[in-house]
Structure formats: structure tokens, C-alpha cells
Amino acid sequence: MDSDIILVIVVATALAFDFTNGFHDTANAVATSISTRALAPKTAVTLSAILNFVGAFISIKVAATVAGGIVDAEQVTTTVIFAGLIGAITWNLVTWFFGLPSSSSHALIGGVVGAAFAASGPDAIFGDGLLEKVIVPALVAPVVAFLTAGVCILITYRMVGRLRPGSVNRGYRLGQIASASLLSLSHGTNDAQKTMGIITLALIAHGTLEGPAPDPPFWVIVSAATAIALGTYTGGWRIIRTMGSKIYKMDPAQGFAAQGGGAAVLLTASHLGFPLSTTHSITGAVLGAGAAKNLSAVRWGLAGNIAVAWVLTLPAAAAVGAFTYGVSRIFGTGALGPLLISVSLLMLITALFGKRLRHGPPVATPAPADT
């Protein structure tokens, strides 16, 4: 009976993480479109939410990696998964509070790795899988996105350099609708699968699913897609401000290049089964598009703070996951520990973040006239 209760708690917590992933990472898809006035804020998040939902059904390769390529499913219990999810949610909320675009993907993986290590030691961690599927792509993705967006914007400026700015900006604002849509679709394809993988891992640990790498059940795919779409629609406006204008104030052409470059990297990663960070990809692309035009205009100090958050994500989420597992075990191996932790965390979130979560979209200043 206790195992069934824990499974329900884990599934609910996984969907709660998926929701935080949606509102935390909304900025990745829509910030540049809002910043350049290509889309109104509510229109942008609505479009992004719909395409996040659709993207979740395109592939399950990333879900398979999360479910069986990083930790040993045979040594992972539902309590371990619950503790890892708490670590990921905690880091998402902390970085959202400070407006830092960190990786929800790495927070999830770090939380589960930390909890599994606390429960079973290093034998529960597939070191090669962690290095190959997570750490190396995390280092490569922002660099590739930086170079891709930088090259794209240089080519773009050579193509349109002699045209009237007004017509160029209007054209690229229309293009941004397409690039933002592609980025949202790729975000749903990559990020929603991580929650599918975690729930699948919980079902394996519970004994509901069998086999080394079973596919996620259809209800898991639908629920994960719905949760990330709802989170996206809520909108993480604090991070949208950071991504849209604080790193670099982009024009429509740069916004198009950044979104297109980020989407290309993400879709490639999803095809290969890498649980890549959307945040790393689009932030690298934003920096590349900005630096290619004006190196000194990029706020490198803020970019450095974001990079520090990236470096801390895996160990910080792992530490919270391990701590949560230890606290849960104080109450035994039953459902009491996860239940008490869930209620306590919910009360704490309501007290600390309730007002901020209700803040609406940023107030847009009038766009300069195109001439």
C-alpha cells in the first residue's frame, strides 16, 4: 500500500517539476520575440504552450536516456526519484527567483543522481552515461549555438545591409514567429521527455513496467505534455526579462538568428537522444547573435553570472536531492517521509513565491518606429 502511495506522490511531483520546467524555460522560446515586438507577450506564451504540447509527441529517445542511461534503474527506488525531483524543483525556483536562466534538465538529472548516490553509492550512477549524455553536450551546446547564431547574423547583415531598416525589421519580425514556433516545438520535444523518463523510471522501480528500457505509456506522454504546456502558458516573466533584454537588446534579425540557431541545436540533440539544456542552447545563441554585431554591447558580467548558475546546477540539485532522501529516510521507507516533505515544500513555496508567481507579463515600452 505504501509503495502505491509513494508512486502517486512521485508522479504528482514529476508533473509539478514539469510545470516549473515550463514556466522556468518559457523565456528560452519567447523572450527574443517579445523583446523585438514580433509577438505580444500573451500571444507568445500561448503559441509556445501549444507547440510545447505538440512537441512532446514527436520523439521518446530523450525519455529513454533519462530512464535508463544515467542511473541504474534496478538500484533506484520511488523514494530516490521523489528526492531527485525535489532537488530539481528547488533549484528551478531558486534560479527563477533571481531571474537566472539555468537548466531545468540538468537540475533534474543532478537531483536524481544525488539521491541515487545517497541511497546506493556510486555503483548506482552510470559515470560514462553521465559524461557522454549530459556533461559533454552541456559544454558543447552553447558553443555550437553561439557560433551558429553568430554566423547566421553575419550572413544576414551582408544580405540585407543595403535595404531599408523598416522593411527588414518587419520581415524578420514575421520570421521570428516561425523561429519562435520551431524553438517551442523543439523545447517540448526535448524537455517534456525528461519528465516522461522520470515517471517511466518510477514505474520500473514500482514494478509496474518491466524491461531494461520500456517506452513511456501513452498516459505518461499526455500528462507530461499537458504539464509543460500549462507551465509555459503561466510564463516565467522574471527570466523573460533577463533573456529578452538584459543580456543584449536584439533587433529582429538577431532574434531570428538566435531562435533559429537554438532550435537547430535542440532538434539535433533530440534526434540523437541527448537530454540537452534548452537554456544553454538559446543563451549561447543570444550571445553569439549579439557578439557578432557588437561585442562590447553584450553584458558579459551577467553572462558570467548565468554561467556560474550553470556550473552549480548539477551539484546543487544533487545536494538537495541527497539531503531530501536522507530526511525522508528518517521517517522510514514508507510514504510518511515523502508525504511530509511534499506538504512542507508546498507550504514554503506558497509563502515565499506566491505573490511573485502571480506577477503578469512585463509591461512593454513602445517600439521604435521602423524607417
Protein backbone atom coordinates (compact mmCIF):
# COMPACT_ATOMS: atom_id res chain seq x y z
CA MET A 1 0.00 0.00 0.00
CA ASP A 2 2.82 2.40 0.93
CA SER A 3 4.54 1.75 -2.41
CA ASP A 4 1.38 2.72 -4.29
CA ILE A 5 1.07 5.96 -2.29
CA ILE A 6 4.72 6.83 -2.93
CA LEU A 7 4.23 6.19 -6.66
CA VAL A 8 1.27 8.60 -6.73
CA ILE A 9 3.35 11.21 -4.88
CA VAL A 10 6.25 10.71 -7.30
CA VAL A 11 4.05 11.08 -10.39
CA ALA A 12 2.43 14.24 -8.94
CA THR A 13 5.86 15.65 -8.04
CA ALA A 14 7.21 14.83 -11.52
CA LEU A 15 4.34 16.69 -13.13
CA ALA A 16 4.92 19.60 -10.73
CA PHE A 17 8.55 19.66 -11.88
CA ASP A 18 7.35 19.57 -15.49
CA PHE A 19 5.17 22.59 -14.74
CA THR A 20 8.13 24.51 -13.24
CA ASN A 21 10.18 23.47 -16.27
CA GLY A 22 7.53 25.06 -18.48
CA PHE A 23 7.35 28.44 -16.73
CA HIS A 24 11.09 28.47 -15.99
CA ASP A 25 12.08 27.79 -19.61
CA THR A 26 9.36 29.79 -21.35
CA ALA A 27 11.91 32.58 -21.73
CA ASN A 28 14.04 30.36 -23.95
CA ALA A 29 11.37 30.25 -26.62
CA VAL A 30 9.64 33.62 -26.44
CA ALA A 31 11.90 36.23 -24.84
CA THR A 32 13.52 37.48 -28.02
CA SER A 33 10.17 37.60 -29.86
CA ILE A 34 8.69 39.70 -27.07
CA SER A 35 11.78 41.91 -26.86
CA THR A 36 11.70 42.76 -30.58
CA ARG A 37 7.89 43.21 -30.58
CA ALA A 38 7.44 40.34 -33.04
CA LEU A 39 4.79 38.89 -30.71
CA ALA A 40 2.73 40.29 -27.86
CA PRO A 41 3.59 38.64 -24.51
CA LYS A 42 0.37 36.66 -24.07
CA THR A 43 0.28 35.65 -27.72
CA ALA A 44 3.88 34.45 -27.46
CA VAL A 45 3.35 32.25 -24.40
CA THR A 46 0.08 30.85 -25.77
CA LEU A 47 1.72 29.85 -29.04
CA SER A 48 4.69 28.43 -27.15
CA ALA A 49 2.42 26.41 -24.84
CA ILE A 50 0.56 24.82 -27.76
CA LEU A 51 3.77 23.89 -29.56
CA ASN A 52 5.40 22.57 -26.37
CA PHE A 53 2.43 20.22 -26.06
CA VAL A 54 2.70 19.09 -29.69
CA GLY A 55 6.48 18.68 -29.49
CA ALA A 56 6.19 16.19 -26.63
CA PHE A 57 4.73 13.61 -29.03
CA ILE A 58 7.46 13.76 -31.67
CA SER A 59 10.12 11.53 -30.08
CA ILE A 60 10.86 9.44 -26.96
CA LYS A 61 14.63 8.99 -27.39
CA VAL A 62 15.49 11.50 -24.67
CA ALA A 63 12.99 9.83 -22.33
CA ALA A 64 14.79 6.53 -22.84
CA THR A 65 18.13 8.14 -21.97
CA VAL A 66 16.78 9.63 -18.74
CA ALA A 67 15.00 6.40 -17.79
CA GLY A 68 17.96 4.09 -18.25
CA GLY A 69 21.15 5.80 -19.41
CA ILE A 70 22.26 7.77 -16.35
CA VAL A 71 21.30 5.81 -13.22
CA ASP A 72 20.85 2.08 -12.70
CA ALA A 73 17.08 1.51 -12.75
CA GLU A 74 17.50 -1.68 -10.70
CA GLN A 75 19.02 0.28 -7.81
CA VAL A 76 16.61 3.20 -7.93
CA THR A 77 13.50 3.31 -5.75
CA THR A 78 10.49 5.58 -5.97
CA THR A 79 11.75 7.43 -2.88
CA VAL A 80 15.04 8.14 -4.66
CA ILE A 81 13.17 9.54 -7.64
CA PHE A 82 10.98 11.67 -5.37
CA ALA A 83 14.05 13.12 -3.65
CA GLY A 84 15.67 13.88 -7.01
CA LEU A 85 12.57 15.72 -8.18
CA ILE A 86 12.54 17.85 -5.05
CA GLY A 87 16.16 18.78 -5.76
CA ALA A 88 15.25 19.82 -9.31
CA ILE A 89 12.17 21.83 -8.29
CA THR A 90 14.12 23.61 -5.57
CA TRP A 91 16.88 24.70 -7.96
CA ASN A 92 14.35 25.80 -10.58
CA LEU A 93 12.60 28.05 -8.06
CA VAL A 94 15.84 29.49 -6.69
CA THR A 95 17.17 30.44 -10.13
CA TRP A 96 13.75 31.72 -11.24
CA PHE A 97 13.64 33.94 -8.13
CA PHE A 98 16.93 35.58 -9.17
CA GLY A 99 15.93 35.72 -12.84
CA LEU A 100 18.76 33.43 -13.94
CA PRO A 101 18.10 31.15 -16.94
CA SER A 102 19.52 27.87 -15.60
CA SER A 103 18.98 24.36 -16.94
CA SER A 104 15.89 22.51 -15.73
CA SER A 105 17.26 19.42 -17.48
CA HIS A 106 20.48 19.40 -15.51
CA ALA A 107 18.62 20.20 -12.30
CA LEU A 108 16.51 17.08 -12.81
CA ILE A 109 19.46 14.86 -13.66
CA GLY A 110 21.53 16.30 -10.81
CA GLY A 111 18.73 15.75 -8.30
CA VAL A 112 18.24 12.12 -9.29
CA VAL A 113 21.98 11.42 -9.37
CA GLY A 114 22.43 12.94 -5.88
CA ALA A 115 19.54 10.99 -4.40
CA ALA A 116 20.70 7.73 -6.04
CA PHE A 117 24.23 8.29 -4.72
CA ALA A 118 22.90 8.88 -1.20
CA ALA A 119 20.80 5.73 -1.39
CA SER A 120 23.11 3.22 -3.08
CA GLY A 121 26.53 4.81 -3.52
CA PRO A 122 28.48 5.37 -6.74
CA ASP A 123 27.52 1.98 -8.21
CA ALA A 124 24.04 3.36 -8.92
CA ILE A 125 25.46 6.03 -11.27
CA PHE A 126 26.47 5.31 -14.86
CA GLY A 127 29.50 7.60 -15.00
CA ASP A 128 30.07 7.09 -18.73
CA GLY A 129 26.44 7.87 -19.48
CA LEU A 130 26.53 10.99 -17.32
CA LEU A 131 29.66 12.21 -19.05
CA GLU A 132 28.64 11.32 -22.60
CA LYS A 133 24.94 12.21 -22.47
CA VAL A 134 24.96 15.21 -20.10
CA ILE A 135 28.28 16.86 -19.29
CA VAL A 136 29.91 16.86 -22.74
CA PRO A 137 26.73 18.11 -24.52
CA ALA A 138 26.40 20.80 -21.82
CA LEU A 139 29.85 22.11 -22.73
CA VAL A 140 29.44 21.77 -26.48
CA ALA A 141 25.85 23.02 -26.96
CA PRO A 142 26.29 26.71 -26.01
CA VAL A 143 29.47 26.94 -28.08
CA VAL A 144 27.81 25.42 -31.15
CA ALA A 145 24.73 27.64 -30.70
CA PHE A 146 26.98 30.70 -30.23
CA LEU A 147 28.84 30.02 -33.46
CA THR A 148 25.70 29.07 -35.40
CA ALA A 149 23.82 32.23 -34.44
CA GLY A 150 26.90 34.39 -34.97
CA VAL A 151 27.48 33.07 -38.49
CA CYS A 152 23.76 33.38 -39.30
CA ILE A 153 23.58 37.04 -38.28
CA LEU A 154 26.76 37.93 -40.18
CA ILE A 155 25.35 36.35 -43.34
CA THR A 156 22.02 38.07 -42.74
CA TYR A 157 23.58 41.53 -42.41
CA ARG A 158 25.54 41.04 -45.63
CA MET A 159 22.31 40.10 -47.40
CA VAL A 160 20.16 42.99 -46.14
CA GLY A 161 22.77 45.60 -45.29
CA ARG A 162 21.70 48.00 -48.06
CA LEU A 163 17.96 47.63 -47.58
CA ARG A 164 15.73 50.00 -45.63
CA PRO A 165 15.72 49.10 -41.90
CA GLY A 166 11.95 49.39 -41.67
CA SER A 167 11.18 46.72 -44.25
CA VAL A 168 13.98 44.47 -42.94
CA ASN A 169 12.70 44.65 -39.36
CA ARG A 170 9.11 43.98 -40.40
CA GLY A 171 10.21 40.97 -42.42
CA TYR A 172 12.30 39.48 -39.65
CA ARG A 173 9.56 40.02 -37.08
CA LEU A 174 7.40 37.77 -39.24
CA GLY A 175 10.32 35.35 -39.47
CA GLN A 176 10.61 35.35 -35.69
CA ILE A 177 7.10 33.95 -35.41
CA ALA A 178 8.30 30.92 -37.37
CA SER A 179 11.62 30.61 -35.49
CA ALA A 180 9.91 31.00 -32.09
CA SER A 181 7.44 28.30 -33.10
CA LEU A 182 10.26 25.96 -34.10
CA LEU A 183 12.10 26.64 -30.85
CA SER A 184 8.96 25.95 -28.79
CA LEU A 185 8.37 22.73 -30.69
CA SER A 186 11.96 21.61 -30.09
CA HIS A 187 11.68 22.56 -26.40
CA GLY A 188 8.64 20.33 -26.00
CA THR A 189 10.39 17.54 -27.89
CA ASN A 190 13.46 17.64 -25.63
CA ASP A 191 12.26 18.83 -22.23
CA ALA A 192 8.88 17.14 -21.80
CA GLN A 193 10.61 13.82 -22.43
CA LYS A 194 12.70 14.23 -19.30
CA THR A 195 9.61 14.07 -17.14
CA MET A 196 8.37 11.10 -19.19
CA GLY A 197 11.67 9.37 -18.49
CA ILE A 198 11.47 10.06 -14.76
CA ILE A 199 7.90 8.76 -14.47
CA THR A 200 8.89 5.71 -16.51
CA LEU A 201 11.82 5.15 -14.15
CA ALA A 202 9.41 5.37 -11.20
CA LEU A 203 7.08 2.83 -12.83
CA ILE A 204 10.04 0.47 -13.32
CA ALA A 205 11.08 0.90 -9.67
CA HIS A 206 7.49 0.25 -8.57
CA GLY A 207 7.29 -2.88 -10.72
CA THR A 208 4.54 -1.57 -12.99
CA LEU A 209 6.83 -1.67 -16.03
CA GLU A 210 9.45 -4.28 -16.82
CA GLY A 211 12.41 -4.45 -19.13
CA PRO A 212 15.71 -2.55 -19.43
CA ALA A 213 14.27 0.37 -21.43
CA PRO A 214 10.48 0.26 -21.79
CA ASP A 215 8.70 3.03 -23.69
CA PRO A 216 6.67 5.53 -21.64
CA PRO A 217 2.96 4.63 -21.52
CA PHE A 218 0.67 6.91 -23.53
CA TRP A 219 -0.86 8.45 -20.38
CA VAL A 220 2.63 9.45 -19.26
CA ILE A 221 3.29 11.22 -22.57
CA VAL A 222 -0.05 13.07 -22.47
CA SER A 223 0.30 14.14 -18.82
CA ALA A 224 3.89 15.35 -19.29
CA ALA A 225 2.93 17.28 -22.42
CA THR A 226 -0.01 18.88 -20.61
CA ALA A 227 2.02 19.87 -17.54
CA ILE A 228 4.81 21.55 -19.51
CA ALA A 229 2.25 23.34 -21.71
CA LEU A 230 0.40 24.71 -18.67
CA GLY A 231 3.67 25.85 -17.12
CA THR A 232 4.65 27.53 -20.37
CA TYR A 233 1.33 29.37 -20.54
CA THR A 234 1.87 30.66 -16.99
CA GLY A 235 5.10 32.29 -18.18
CA GLY A 236 8.31 32.85 -16.21
CA TRP A 237 8.35 36.59 -16.68
CA ARG A 238 11.38 37.27 -14.49
CA ILE A 239 13.62 35.15 -16.73
CA ILE A 240 11.93 36.50 -19.87
CA ARG A 241 13.19 39.97 -18.87
CA THR A 242 16.74 38.65 -18.46
CA MET A 243 16.80 36.73 -21.74
CA GLY A 244 14.90 39.33 -23.75
CA SER A 245 16.81 42.50 -22.99
CA LYS A 246 19.28 42.30 -20.09
CA ILE A 247 21.94 40.19 -21.82
CA TYR A 248 21.69 42.06 -25.11
CA LYS A 249 18.98 44.19 -26.68
CA MET A 250 18.47 42.50 -30.04
CA ASP A 251 16.93 43.65 -33.27
CA PRO A 252 14.50 41.36 -35.16
CA ALA A 253 17.22 39.89 -37.40
CA GLN A 254 19.32 38.92 -34.39
CA GLY A 255 16.27 37.49 -32.65
CA PHE A 256 15.53 35.35 -35.70
CA ALA A 257 19.14 34.12 -35.87
CA ALA A 258 19.26 33.31 -32.15
CA GLN A 259 15.98 31.39 -32.16
CA GLY A 260 16.83 29.53 -35.35
CA GLY A 261 20.30 28.57 -34.10
CA GLY A 262 18.99 27.41 -30.74
CA ALA A 263 16.22 25.35 -32.33
CA ALA A 264 18.65 23.66 -34.73
CA VAL A 265 20.91 22.56 -31.87
CA LEU A 266 17.97 21.31 -29.80
CA LEU A 267 16.33 19.30 -32.58
CA THR A 268 19.67 17.67 -33.41
CA ALA A 269 20.13 16.72 -29.75
CA SER A 270 16.60 15.28 -29.52
CA HIS A 271 17.25 13.18 -32.63
CA LEU A 272 20.43 11.80 -31.03
CA GLY A 273 18.76 11.19 -27.67
CA PHE A 274 20.76 13.78 -25.68
CA PRO A 275 18.85 15.45 -22.80
CA LEU A 276 20.22 18.83 -23.80
CA SER A 277 19.59 22.07 -21.95
CA THR A 278 17.33 24.45 -23.86
CA THR A 279 18.71 27.24 -21.70
CA HIS A 280 22.32 26.55 -22.67
CA SER A 281 21.43 26.44 -26.35
CA ILE A 282 19.38 29.62 -26.61
CA THR A 283 21.61 31.62 -24.24
CA GLY A 284 24.64 30.69 -26.33
CA ALA A 285 22.72 31.71 -29.45
CA VAL A 286 21.70 35.06 -27.95
CA LEU A 287 25.31 35.78 -27.00
CA GLY A 288 26.51 34.75 -30.47
CA ALA A 289 23.97 36.91 -32.29
CA GLY A 290 24.83 39.88 -30.08
CA ALA A 291 28.61 39.48 -30.14
CA ALA A 292 28.70 39.13 -33.93
CA LYS A 293 27.23 42.63 -34.27
CA ASN A 294 28.70 44.46 -31.29
CA LEU A 295 30.98 42.61 -28.90
CA SER A 296 31.09 45.38 -26.31
CA ALA A 297 27.28 45.75 -26.14
CA VAL A 298 26.85 42.26 -24.65
CA ARG A 299 26.57 42.30 -20.86
CA TRP A 300 29.33 39.80 -20.23
CA GLY A 301 29.10 40.25 -16.45
CA LEU A 302 25.51 38.99 -16.47
CA ALA A 303 26.52 36.23 -18.87
CA GLY A 304 29.18 35.23 -16.34
CA ASN A 305 26.59 35.05 -13.55
CA ILE A 306 24.45 32.80 -15.75
CA ALA A 307 27.47 30.58 -16.45
CA VAL A 308 28.11 30.25 -12.70
CA ALA A 309 24.48 29.14 -12.25
CA TRP A 310 25.03 26.55 -14.99
CA VAL A 311 28.12 25.16 -13.26
CA LEU A 312 26.33 24.99 -9.91
CA THR A 313 23.16 23.36 -11.25
CA LEU A 314 24.24 19.71 -11.21
CA PRO A 315 25.99 19.73 -7.81
CA ALA A 316 23.41 21.99 -6.13
CA ALA A 317 20.44 19.92 -7.28
CA ALA A 318 22.34 16.75 -6.38
CA ALA A 319 23.00 18.06 -2.87
CA VAL A 320 19.32 18.92 -2.34
CA GLY A 321 18.30 15.53 -3.74
CA ALA A 322 20.67 13.69 -1.40
CA PHE A 323 19.53 15.79 1.58
CA THR A 324 15.88 15.17 0.77
CA TYR A 325 16.48 11.43 0.57
CA GLY A 326 18.22 11.49 3.96
CA VAL A 327 15.35 13.41 5.57
CA SER A 328 12.80 11.05 4.04
CA ARG A 329 14.60 8.01 5.44
CA ILE A 330 14.32 9.44 8.96
CA PHE A 331 10.63 8.52 8.74
CA GLY A 332 11.36 5.01 7.43
CA THR A 333 10.88 3.51 3.99
CA GLY A 334 7.13 4.15 3.78
CA ALA A 335 5.10 7.02 2.40
CA LEU A 336 5.22 9.23 5.51
CA GLY A 337 8.53 10.93 4.66
CA PRO A 338 7.67 11.88 1.04
CA LEU A 339 4.21 12.99 2.14
CA LEU A 340 5.51 15.30 4.89
CA ILE A 341 8.20 16.73 2.62
CA SER A 342 5.67 17.39 -0.17
CA VAL A 343 3.28 19.23 2.16
CA SER A 344 6.11 21.24 3.75
CA LEU A 345 7.55 22.24 0.38
CA LEU A 346 4.14 23.25 -0.94
CA MET A 347 3.56 25.48 2.09
CA LEU A 348 7.03 27.02 1.75
CA ILE A 349 6.55 27.72 -1.97
CA THR A 350 3.19 29.35 -1.30
CA ALA A 351 4.67 31.55 1.44
CA LEU A 352 7.82 32.61 -0.40
CA PHE A 353 6.82 32.68 -4.06
CA GLY A 354 3.04 33.05 -4.13
CA LYS A 355 2.95 36.79 -4.88
CA ARG A 356 5.78 36.62 -7.40
CA LEU A 357 4.21 33.70 -9.24
CA ARG A 358 1.12 35.83 -9.79
CA HIS A 359 3.06 38.65 -11.48
CA GLY A 360 1.92 39.07 -15.06
CA PRO A 361 3.83 39.80 -18.22
CA PRO A 362 6.32 42.64 -18.39
CA VAL A 363 4.96 45.99 -19.47
CA ALA A 364 6.28 46.61 -22.95
CA THR A 365 7.63 50.02 -23.83
CA PRO A 366 6.59 51.44 -27.19
CA ALA A 367 8.60 50.03 -30.05
CA PRO A 368 10.67 52.48 -32.07
CA ALA A 369 9.19 53.28 -35.44
CA ASP A 370 10.62 51.41 -38.41
CA THR A 371 12.00 53.75 -41.00
